[in-house]
Amino acid sequence: MGFEPIEHPDRKMSSNGQGVGSIVLAKDWDSNEVTLCFDMQKSDDLKTWIPFAGGTWTAVANGGVKLTLPLNEAKKLLRVTLKG
């Protein structure tokens, strides 16, 4: 199974009905895990998006995770797309 979003009373909504801010994930009771799957993509023009490879994952304080991405090119726009 994938993840199950949960409504949260403090979650703010944008004008198009999409949540902004935190992502709340529910536990998969069969596997006792929560999995967050996403793709990183890059673009130079906000029209054409291609996969972005690279980066370093680091565990940080309080259970957080940090992703550091190399941005060697002069112009690069990044987006994260979540998979359900």
Protein backbone atom coordinates (compact mmCIF):
# COMPACT_ATOMS: atom_id res chain seq x y z
CA MET A 1 0.00 0.00 0.00
CA GLY A 2 1.02 3.62 -0.48
CA PHE A 3 0.49 6.46 1.92
CA GLU A 4 -2.76 7.85 3.18
CA PRO A 5 -3.01 11.66 3.59
CA ILE A 6 -4.60 12.93 6.78
CA GLU A 7 -6.53 16.18 7.18
CA HIS A 8 -4.84 18.40 9.75
CA PRO A 9 -6.55 21.40 11.38
CA ASP A 10 -3.45 23.62 11.06
CA ARG A 11 -2.90 22.81 7.39
CA LYS A 12 -3.23 25.86 5.19
CA MET A 13 -4.83 25.59 1.76
CA SER A 14 -3.85 27.53 -1.34
CA SER A 15 -6.42 29.16 -3.63
CA ASN A 16 -6.50 26.07 -5.88
CA GLY A 17 -7.32 23.73 -2.98
CA GLN A 18 -3.85 22.23 -2.75
CA GLY A 19 -2.28 21.98 0.68
CA VAL A 20 0.80 24.06 1.39
CA GLY A 21 3.36 23.61 4.13
CA SER A 22 3.75 20.26 5.85
CA ILE A 23 3.03 16.84 4.42
CA VAL A 24 1.34 14.46 6.84
CA LEU A 25 1.72 10.74 6.14
CA ALA A 26 -0.08 7.83 7.77
CA LYS A 27 1.49 4.53 8.73
CA ASP A 28 0.90 1.51 6.52
CA TRP A 29 -0.47 -0.92 9.11
CA ASP A 30 0.51 -3.99 7.06
CA SER A 31 4.19 -3.10 6.79
CA ASN A 32 4.50 -0.77 9.83
CA GLU A 33 6.25 1.77 7.61
CA VAL A 34 5.76 5.16 6.05
CA THR A 35 7.32 5.67 2.64
CA LEU A 36 7.65 8.98 0.84
CA CYS A 37 8.40 8.58 -2.87
CA PHE A 38 9.23 11.55 -5.04
CA ASP A 39 11.17 12.63 -8.11
CA MET A 40 13.48 15.63 -8.45
CA GLN A 41 13.32 17.42 -11.80
CA LYS A 42 15.17 20.39 -13.28
CA SER A 43 14.31 22.98 -15.89
CA ASP A 44 15.75 26.11 -17.46
CA ASP A 45 12.42 27.51 -18.64
CA LEU A 46 9.62 26.10 -16.39
CA LYS A 47 8.22 24.34 -19.47
CA THR A 48 10.52 21.39 -20.10
CA TRP A 49 11.38 19.24 -17.06
CA ILE A 50 14.01 16.48 -17.00
CA PRO A 51 15.12 14.19 -14.16
CA PHE A 52 17.68 15.66 -11.75
CA ALA A 53 20.32 13.18 -10.60
CA GLY A 54 22.77 13.61 -7.78
CA GLY A 55 22.69 15.00 -4.31
CA THR A 56 23.61 13.84 -0.83
CA TRP A 57 21.19 12.67 1.87
CA THR A 58 22.15 13.51 5.46
CA ALA A 59 20.40 12.71 8.73
CA VAL A 60 19.92 15.86 10.84
CA ALA A 61 18.74 16.57 14.39
CA ASN A 62 15.27 15.62 15.61
CA GLY A 63 14.74 12.87 13.02
CA GLY A 64 15.04 15.17 10.00
CA VAL A 65 16.65 14.40 6.67
CA LYS A 66 18.46 16.94 4.49
CA LEU A 67 19.06 16.63 0.73
CA THR A 68 21.93 18.75 -0.58
CA LEU A 69 21.87 19.24 -4.36
CA PRO A 70 24.74 20.41 -6.58
CA LEU A 71 23.75 23.44 -8.68
CA ASN A 72 26.77 23.92 -10.92
CA GLU A 73 24.84 25.34 -13.84
CA ALA A 74 24.23 29.10 -14.06
CA LYS A 75 20.45 28.72 -14.29
CA LYS A 76 18.46 25.82 -12.90
CA LEU A 77 14.95 25.52 -11.51
CA LEU A 78 14.03 22.49 -9.40
CA ARG A 79 10.74 20.86 -8.48
CA VAL A 80 9.71 17.88 -6.41
CA THR A 81 6.90 15.65 -7.65
CA LEU A 82 5.31 13.30 -5.13
CA LYS A 83 4.25 9.81 -6.12
CA GLY A 84 1.20 8.20 -4.52
